[in-house]
Amino acid sequence: MMKTGELAADYRNFRFSEINEPQYRHLKWLLFWPVFGLRYLFVENLNPADTYTVIHCSLDDRIPFCEVFLIFYVLWYVTIIGIHLYTLLFDLEAYKSYSKFLLISISISTTIFLVFPSCQELRPETFPRDNILTKLVGMIYRCDTNTNVFPSEHAIGAFGILAAVIHTKRLRKPKIIAVTVVLTVLVAMSTVFLKQHSVLDVLAAIPVSAIAYWFSFRRRKKYE
């Protein structure tokens, strides 16, 4: 049994040549990240512009642009890296399940992007306010295209963070889970308030996340 503060694995003497050793084999899951980045570039440049379906619903028009939600949108990046590193260091079973969740969910979303190219036309032509947050949102708009939005991978990632927290022994505490639930909701909301996604994109992320959750977290628990 691990003691408080004890690392799940000792990486101090790790050498890449030892990646196939039992104590380091789990590090192969980190290959997901460069593959994910290459996949993003491939899918973004694959489909002609006239093949995209515009995702939109009436609720999108009722939701105002609000740059304050950029805080939660960016916090997603910090949290998704943080929970990955935390589980890698202190809970390898949660780390493996979380990695599997990401692999399954992103594989599903990628398949959807390929067979059903999507885009959104929700971004404001001009921002209602001029401040540091709207300037940063403008930078995100320039770096991130408005294509391949259904389902929202931002929302999927938020659901994955929540699942990882719930299944990490040291983090499975009422206050931490409550904070993570609130963060998950705010991250999902940030995608629509920043006009990065339609409400439909967020809703589509729910069944994708549910499937990934079953095969990565629940199914593992069932057969333990």
C-alpha atoms as a PDB file:
ATOM      1  CA  MET A   1       0.000   0.000   0.000  1.00  0.00           C
ATOM      2  CA  MET A   2       1.299   3.410  -0.947  1.00  0.00           C
ATOM      3  CA  LYS A   3       2.026   5.863   1.820  1.00  0.00           C
ATOM      4  CA  THR A   4       1.006   9.511   1.636  1.00  0.00           C
ATOM      5  CA  GLY A   5       3.442  11.388  -0.585  1.00  0.00           C
ATOM      6  CA  GLU A   6       4.917   8.190  -2.040  1.00  0.00           C
ATOM      7  CA  LEU A   7       5.314   8.144  -5.819  1.00  0.00           C
ATOM      8  CA  ALA A   8       3.589   5.396  -7.799  1.00  0.00           C
ATOM      9  CA  ALA A   9       6.799   4.836  -9.770  1.00  0.00           C
ATOM     10  CA  ASP A  10      10.388   6.016  -9.504  1.00  0.00           C
ATOM     11  CA  TYR A  11      11.312   7.892 -12.685  1.00  0.00           C
ATOM     12  CA  ARG A  12      14.652   9.271 -11.492  1.00  0.00           C
ATOM     13  CA  ASN A  13      16.689   6.582 -13.219  1.00  0.00           C
ATOM     14  CA  PHE A  14      14.421   6.139 -16.221  1.00  0.00           C
ATOM     15  CA  ARG A  15      16.061   5.674 -19.628  1.00  0.00           C
ATOM     16  CA  PHE A  16      14.073   5.565 -22.865  1.00  0.00           C
ATOM     17  CA  SER A  17      15.635   2.191 -23.649  1.00  0.00           C
ATOM     18  CA  GLU A  18      13.736   0.864 -20.626  1.00  0.00           C
ATOM     19  CA  ILE A  19      10.293   1.897 -21.940  1.00  0.00           C
ATOM     20  CA  ASN A  20       9.263  -1.771 -22.322  1.00  0.00           C
ATOM     21  CA  GLU A  21      10.162  -2.646 -18.758  1.00  0.00           C
ATOM     22  CA  PRO A  22       7.082  -3.428 -16.584  1.00  0.00           C
ATOM     23  CA  GLN A  23       7.679  -0.454 -14.264  1.00  0.00           C
ATOM     24  CA  TYR A  24       7.812   2.018 -17.170  1.00  0.00           C
ATOM     25  CA  ARG A  25       5.535   0.463 -19.776  1.00  0.00           C
ATOM     26  CA  HIS A  26       2.664   2.779 -18.829  1.00  0.00           C
ATOM     27  CA  LEU A  27       4.661   5.752 -20.166  1.00  0.00           C
ATOM     28  CA  LYS A  28       3.737   4.628 -23.682  1.00  0.00           C
ATOM     29  CA  TRP A  29       0.321   6.193 -23.075  1.00  0.00           C
ATOM     30  CA  LEU A  30       2.037   9.585 -23.347  1.00  0.00           C
ATOM     31  CA  LEU A  31       2.443   8.935 -27.072  1.00  0.00           C
ATOM     32  CA  PHE A  32      -1.218   9.943 -27.282  1.00  0.00           C
ATOM     33  CA  TRP A  33      -0.259  13.619 -27.158  1.00  0.00           C
ATOM     34  CA  PRO A  34       1.999  13.895 -30.235  1.00  0.00           C
ATOM     35  CA  VAL A  35      -0.382  11.612 -32.154  1.00  0.00           C
ATOM     36  CA  PHE A  36      -3.276  13.839 -31.076  1.00  0.00           C
ATOM     37  CA  GLY A  37      -1.440  16.925 -32.323  1.00  0.00           C
ATOM     38  CA  LEU A  38      -0.669  15.353 -35.711  1.00  0.00           C
ATOM     39  CA  ARG A  39      -4.253  14.127 -36.002  1.00  0.00           C
ATOM     40  CA  TYR A  40      -5.501  17.662 -35.379  1.00  0.00           C
ATOM     41  CA  LEU A  41      -3.388  19.068 -38.203  1.00  0.00           C
ATOM     42  CA  PHE A  42      -4.419  16.259 -40.549  1.00  0.00           C
ATOM     43  CA  VAL A  43      -8.165  16.541 -39.940  1.00  0.00           C
ATOM     44  CA  GLU A  44      -8.142  20.346 -40.036  1.00  0.00           C
ATOM     45  CA  ASN A  45      -6.711  20.338 -43.563  1.00  0.00           C
ATOM     46  CA  LEU A  46      -8.473  17.287 -44.961  1.00  0.00           C
ATOM     47  CA  ASN A  47     -11.975  18.345 -46.013  1.00  0.00           C
ATOM     48  CA  PRO A  48     -12.887  20.985 -48.646  1.00  0.00           C
ATOM     49  CA  ALA A  49     -14.778  23.997 -47.284  1.00  0.00           C
ATOM     50  CA  ASP A  50     -18.023  23.113 -49.073  1.00  0.00           C
ATOM     51  CA  THR A  51     -18.315  19.754 -47.293  1.00  0.00           C
ATOM     52  CA  TYR A  52     -18.802  21.182 -43.799  1.00  0.00           C
ATOM     53  CA  THR A  53     -22.205  21.171 -42.119  1.00  0.00           C
ATOM     54  CA  VAL A  54     -22.950  24.272 -40.045  1.00  0.00           C
ATOM     55  CA  ILE A  55     -23.913  23.351 -36.471  1.00  0.00           C
ATOM     56  CA  HIS A  56     -26.463  25.725 -34.992  1.00  0.00           C
ATOM     57  CA  CYS A  57     -29.576  25.843 -32.819  1.00  0.00           C
ATOM     58  CA  SER A  58     -31.873  28.645 -31.654  1.00  0.00           C
ATOM     59  CA  LEU A  59     -30.392  28.567 -28.150  1.00  0.00           C
ATOM     60  CA  ASP A  60     -27.022  29.618 -29.565  1.00  0.00           C
ATOM     61  CA  ASP A  61     -28.560  32.951 -30.596  1.00  0.00           C
ATOM     62  CA  ARG A  62     -29.798  33.578 -27.055  1.00  0.00           C
ATOM     63  CA  ILE A  63     -26.371  33.082 -25.478  1.00  0.00           C
ATOM     64  CA  PRO A  64     -24.336  36.320 -25.477  1.00  0.00           C
ATOM     65  CA  PHE A  65     -20.618  36.482 -26.085  1.00  0.00           C
ATOM     66  CA  CYS A  66     -18.839  36.841 -22.729  1.00  0.00           C
ATOM     67  CA  GLU A  67     -15.063  37.044 -22.669  1.00  0.00           C
ATOM     68  CA  VAL A  68     -14.890  36.383 -18.903  1.00  0.00           C
ATOM     69  CA  PHE A  69     -15.406  32.698 -19.680  1.00  0.00           C
ATOM     70  CA  LEU A  70     -11.947  32.689 -21.249  1.00  0.00           C
ATOM     71  CA  ILE A  71     -10.649  32.085 -17.708  1.00  0.00           C
ATOM     72  CA  PHE A  72     -12.404  28.720 -17.534  1.00  0.00           C
ATOM     73  CA  TYR A  73     -11.673  27.892 -21.170  1.00  0.00           C
ATOM     74  CA  VAL A  74      -7.926  28.266 -20.544  1.00  0.00           C
ATOM     75  CA  LEU A  75      -8.110  26.633 -17.110  1.00  0.00           C
ATOM     76  CA  TRP A  76      -9.103  23.480 -18.986  1.00  0.00           C
ATOM     77  CA  TYR A  77      -5.583  23.226 -20.442  1.00  0.00           C
ATOM     78  CA  VAL A  78      -3.987  23.609 -17.023  1.00  0.00           C
ATOM     79  CA  THR A  79      -6.282  21.043 -15.420  1.00  0.00           C
ATOM     80  CA  ILE A  80      -6.043  18.414 -18.139  1.00  0.00           C
ATOM     81  CA  ILE A  81      -2.236  18.492 -17.918  1.00  0.00           C
ATOM     82  CA  GLY A  82      -2.323  18.670 -14.124  1.00  0.00           C
ATOM     83  CA  ILE A  83      -4.544  15.620 -13.634  1.00  0.00           C
ATOM     84  CA  HIS A  84      -2.471  13.703 -16.166  1.00  0.00           C
ATOM     85  CA  LEU A  85       0.750  14.416 -14.272  1.00  0.00           C
ATOM     86  CA  TYR A  86      -0.833  13.838 -10.871  1.00  0.00           C
ATOM     87  CA  THR A  87      -2.181  10.400 -11.762  1.00  0.00           C
ATOM     88  CA  LEU A  88       1.082   9.522 -13.515  1.00  0.00           C
ATOM     89  CA  LEU A  89       2.948  10.236 -10.279  1.00  0.00           C
ATOM     90  CA  PHE A  90       0.511   8.995  -7.638  1.00  0.00           C
ATOM     91  CA  ASP A  91      -2.146   6.678  -9.119  1.00  0.00           C
ATOM     92  CA  LEU A  92      -1.129   4.615 -12.129  1.00  0.00           C
ATOM     93  CA  GLU A  93      -4.460   2.788 -12.406  1.00  0.00           C
ATOM     94  CA  ALA A  94      -6.308   6.095 -12.653  1.00  0.00           C
ATOM     95  CA  TYR A  95      -3.650   7.346 -15.079  1.00  0.00           C
ATOM     96  CA  LYS A  96      -4.110   4.345 -17.372  1.00  0.00           C
ATOM     97  CA  SER A  97      -7.903   4.621 -17.272  1.00  0.00           C
ATOM     98  CA  TYR A  98      -7.750   8.365 -17.920  1.00  0.00           C
ATOM     99  CA  SER A  99      -5.369   7.819 -20.838  1.00  0.00           C
ATOM    100  CA  LYS A 100      -7.686   5.160 -22.229  1.00  0.00           C
ATOM    101  CA  PHE A 101     -10.641   7.536 -21.851  1.00  0.00           C
ATOM    102  CA  LEU A 102      -8.856  10.155 -23.932  1.00  0.00           C
ATOM    103  CA  LEU A 103      -7.791   7.622 -26.561  1.00  0.00           C
ATOM    104  CA  ILE A 104     -11.307   6.207 -26.970  1.00  0.00           C
ATOM    105  CA  SER A 105     -13.164   9.522 -26.891  1.00  0.00           C
ATOM    106  CA  ILE A 106     -10.800  11.296 -29.277  1.00  0.00           C
ATOM    107  CA  SER A 107     -10.866   8.313 -31.637  1.00  0.00           C
ATOM    108  CA  ILE A 108     -14.660   8.540 -31.705  1.00  0.00           C
ATOM    109  CA  SER A 109     -14.669  12.300 -32.252  1.00  0.00           C
ATOM    110  CA  THR A 110     -12.051  11.988 -34.995  1.00  0.00           C
ATOM    111  CA  THR A 111     -14.177   9.395 -36.783  1.00  0.00           C
ATOM    112  CA  ILE A 112     -17.159  11.745 -36.560  1.00  0.00           C
ATOM    113  CA  PHE A 113     -15.089  14.622 -37.962  1.00  0.00           C
ATOM    114  CA  LEU A 114     -14.080  12.465 -40.932  1.00  0.00           C
ATOM    115  CA  VAL A 115     -17.547  11.170 -41.825  1.00  0.00           C
ATOM    116  CA  PHE A 116     -19.467  14.283 -40.762  1.00  0.00           C
ATOM    117  CA  PRO A 117     -17.328  17.420 -41.234  1.00  0.00           C
ATOM    118  CA  SER A 118     -18.773  20.258 -39.178  1.00  0.00           C
ATOM    119  CA  CYS A 119     -18.239  23.940 -38.572  1.00  0.00           C
ATOM    120  CA  GLN A 120     -19.836  26.840 -36.718  1.00  0.00           C
ATOM    121  CA  GLU A 121     -20.525  30.434 -37.707  1.00  0.00           C
ATOM    122  CA  LEU A 122     -21.110  31.894 -34.256  1.00  0.00           C
ATOM    123  CA  ARG A 123     -18.036  34.050 -33.765  1.00  0.00           C
ATOM    124  CA  PRO A 124     -18.770  37.788 -33.550  1.00  0.00           C
ATOM    125  CA  GLU A 125     -17.394  39.909 -36.378  1.00  0.00           C
ATOM    126  CA  THR A 126     -16.398  42.548 -33.817  1.00  0.00           C
ATOM    127  CA  PHE A 127     -16.114  42.188 -30.065  1.00  0.00           C
ATOM    128  CA  PRO A 128     -18.610  44.168 -27.948  1.00  0.00           C
ATOM    129  CA  ARG A 129     -15.770  45.269 -25.659  1.00  0.00           C
ATOM    130  CA  ASP A 130     -12.062  46.001 -26.044  1.00  0.00           C
ATOM    131  CA  ASN A 131      -9.973  44.551 -23.234  1.00  0.00           C
ATOM    132  CA  ILE A 132      -7.193  42.059 -22.583  1.00  0.00           C
ATOM    133  CA  LEU A 133      -9.605  39.116 -22.542  1.00  0.00           C
ATOM    134  CA  THR A 134     -11.154  39.924 -25.922  1.00  0.00           C
ATOM    135  CA  LYS A 135      -7.660  40.372 -27.364  1.00  0.00           C
ATOM    136  CA  LEU A 136      -6.751  36.895 -26.126  1.00  0.00           C
ATOM    137  CA  VAL A 137      -9.979  35.447 -27.527  1.00  0.00           C
ATOM    138  CA  GLY A 138      -9.054  37.013 -30.860  1.00  0.00           C
ATOM    139  CA  MET A 139      -5.710  35.202 -30.715  1.00  0.00           C
ATOM    140  CA  ILE A 140      -7.506  31.913 -30.079  1.00  0.00           C
ATOM    141  CA  TYR A 141      -9.804  32.564 -33.037  1.00  0.00           C
ATOM    142  CA  ARG A 142      -6.782  33.067 -35.276  1.00  0.00           C
ATOM    143  CA  CYS A 143      -5.048  29.892 -34.060  1.00  0.00           C
ATOM    144  CA  ASP A 144      -8.099  27.628 -33.833  1.00  0.00           C
ATOM    145  CA  THR A 145     -10.344  27.256 -36.861  1.00  0.00           C
ATOM    146  CA  ASN A 146     -14.129  27.081 -36.601  1.00  0.00           C
ATOM    147  CA  THR A 147     -14.219  23.590 -38.112  1.00  0.00           C
ATOM    148  CA  ASN A 148     -14.584  20.082 -36.645  1.00  0.00           C
ATOM    149  CA  VAL A 149     -16.666  21.244 -33.715  1.00  0.00           C
ATOM    150  CA  PHE A 150     -19.243  18.428 -33.343  1.00  0.00           C
ATOM    151  CA  PRO A 151     -18.701  16.994 -30.741  1.00  0.00           C
ATOM    152  CA  SER A 152     -16.803  19.456 -28.558  1.00  0.00           C
ATOM    153  CA  GLU A 153     -13.464  17.942 -27.571  1.00  0.00           C
ATOM    154  CA  HIS A 154     -13.131  20.683 -24.967  1.00  0.00           C
ATOM    155  CA  ALA A 155     -16.250  19.342 -23.245  1.00  0.00           C
ATOM    156  CA  ILE A 156     -15.072  15.753 -23.670  1.00  0.00           C
ATOM    157  CA  GLY A 157     -11.771  16.636 -21.998  1.00  0.00           C
ATOM    158  CA  ALA A 158     -13.637  18.285 -19.101  1.00  0.00           C
ATOM    159  CA  PHE A 159     -15.755  15.157 -18.566  1.00  0.00           C
ATOM    160  CA  GLY A 160     -12.559  13.087 -18.623  1.00  0.00           C
ATOM    161  CA  ILE A 161     -10.991  15.252 -15.913  1.00  0.00           C
ATOM    162  CA  LEU A 162     -14.056  14.744 -13.723  1.00  0.00           C
ATOM    163  CA  ALA A 163     -13.927  10.968 -14.258  1.00  0.00           C
ATOM    164  CA  ALA A 164     -10.225  10.878 -13.389  1.00  0.00           C
ATOM    165  CA  VAL A 165     -10.761  12.848 -10.172  1.00  0.00           C
ATOM    166  CA  ILE A 166     -13.603  10.553  -9.097  1.00  0.00           C
ATOM    167  CA  HIS A 167     -11.443   7.459  -9.685  1.00  0.00           C
ATOM    168  CA  THR A 168      -8.206   8.776  -8.151  1.00  0.00           C
ATOM    169  CA  LYS A 169      -8.014   7.592  -4.554  1.00  0.00           C
ATOM    170  CA  ARG A 170      -6.300  10.665  -3.118  1.00  0.00           C
ATOM    171  CA  LEU A 171      -8.660  13.047  -4.910  1.00  0.00           C
ATOM    172  CA  ARG A 172     -11.899  11.177  -4.233  1.00  0.00           C
ATOM    173  CA  LYS A 173     -13.069  13.643  -1.592  1.00  0.00           C
ATOM    174  CA  PRO A 174     -16.437  15.458  -1.544  1.00  0.00           C
ATOM    175  CA  LYS A 175     -14.960  18.974  -1.726  1.00  0.00           C
ATOM    176  CA  ILE A 176     -12.551  18.146  -4.541  1.00  0.00           C
ATOM    177  CA  ILE A 177     -15.237  16.347  -6.529  1.00  0.00           C
ATOM    178  CA  ALA A 178     -17.681  19.237  -5.995  1.00  0.00           C
ATOM    179  CA  VAL A 179     -15.118  21.772  -7.235  1.00  0.00           C
ATOM    180  CA  THR A 180     -14.358  19.585 -10.253  1.00  0.00           C
ATOM    181  CA  VAL A 181     -18.058  19.256 -11.108  1.00  0.00           C
ATOM    182  CA  VAL A 182     -18.412  23.049 -11.027  1.00  0.00           C
ATOM    183  CA  LEU A 183     -15.279  23.422 -13.158  1.00  0.00           C
ATOM    184  CA  THR A 184     -16.600  20.872 -15.662  1.00  0.00           C
ATOM    185  CA  VAL A 185     -19.854  22.808 -16.035  1.00  0.00           C
ATOM    186  CA  LEU A 186     -18.026  26.133 -16.381  1.00  0.00           C
ATOM    187  CA  VAL A 187     -15.646  24.736 -19.007  1.00  0.00           C
ATOM    188  CA  ALA A 188     -18.579  23.410 -21.030  1.00  0.00           C
ATOM    189  CA  MET A 189     -20.308  26.784 -20.674  1.00  0.00           C
ATOM    190  CA  SER A 190     -17.144  28.620 -21.710  1.00  0.00           C
ATOM    191  CA  THR A 191     -17.171  26.972 -25.131  1.00  0.00           C
ATOM    192  CA  VAL A 192     -20.597  28.419 -25.953  1.00  0.00           C
ATOM    193  CA  PHE A 193     -20.126  31.824 -24.298  1.00  0.00           C
ATOM    194  CA  LEU A 194     -16.876  32.324 -26.233  1.00  0.00           C
ATOM    195  CA  LYS A 195     -18.682  31.248 -29.405  1.00  0.00           C
ATOM    196  CA  GLN A 196     -16.262  28.407 -29.971  1.00  0.00           C
ATOM    197  CA  HIS A 197     -19.059  25.834 -30.012  1.00  0.00           C
ATOM    198  CA  SER A 198     -22.770  25.423 -30.430  1.00  0.00           C
ATOM    199  CA  VAL A 199     -24.839  24.015 -27.582  1.00  0.00           C
ATOM    200  CA  LEU A 200     -25.305  20.989 -29.847  1.00  0.00           C
ATOM    201  CA  ASP A 201     -21.558  20.347 -29.806  1.00  0.00           C
ATOM    202  CA  VAL A 202     -21.556  20.175 -26.008  1.00  0.00           C
ATOM    203  CA  LEU A 203     -24.584  17.873 -25.964  1.00  0.00           C
ATOM    204  CA  ALA A 204     -22.904  15.593 -28.506  1.00  0.00           C
ATOM    205  CA  ALA A 205     -19.890  15.318 -26.201  1.00  0.00           C
ATOM    206  CA  ILE A 206     -22.022  13.620 -23.521  1.00  0.00           C
ATOM    207  CA  PRO A 207     -22.688  10.261 -25.271  1.00  0.00           C
ATOM    208  CA  VAL A 208     -19.114  10.170 -26.590  1.00  0.00           C
ATOM    209  CA  SER A 209     -17.801  10.689 -23.052  1.00  0.00           C
ATOM    210  CA  ALA A 210     -20.240   8.109 -21.665  1.00  0.00           C
ATOM    211  CA  ILE A 211     -18.985   5.449 -24.082  1.00  0.00           C
ATOM    212  CA  ALA A 212     -15.351   6.258 -23.316  1.00  0.00           C
ATOM    213  CA  TYR A 213     -16.078   6.285 -19.575  1.00  0.00           C
ATOM    214  CA  TRP A 214     -17.663   2.840 -19.690  1.00  0.00           C
ATOM    215  CA  PHE A 215     -14.769   1.208 -21.506  1.00  0.00           C
ATOM    216  CA  SER A 216     -12.005   2.994 -19.560  1.00  0.00           C
ATOM    217  CA  PHE A 217     -13.267   3.375 -15.985  1.00  0.00           C
ATOM    218  CA  ARG A 218     -16.449   1.363 -15.352  1.00  0.00           C
ATOM    219  CA  ARG A 219     -15.532  -1.740 -17.328  1.00  0.00           C
ATOM    220  CA  ARG A 220     -12.158  -1.931 -15.577  1.00  0.00           C
ATOM    221  CA  LYS A 221     -13.850  -1.649 -12.190  1.00  0.00           C
ATOM    222  CA  LYS A 222     -16.357  -4.341 -13.133  1.00  0.00           C
ATOM    223  CA  TYR A 223     -13.642  -6.897 -13.831  1.00  0.00           C
ATOM    224  CA  GLU A 224     -11.290  -5.993 -10.967  1.00  0.00           C
END
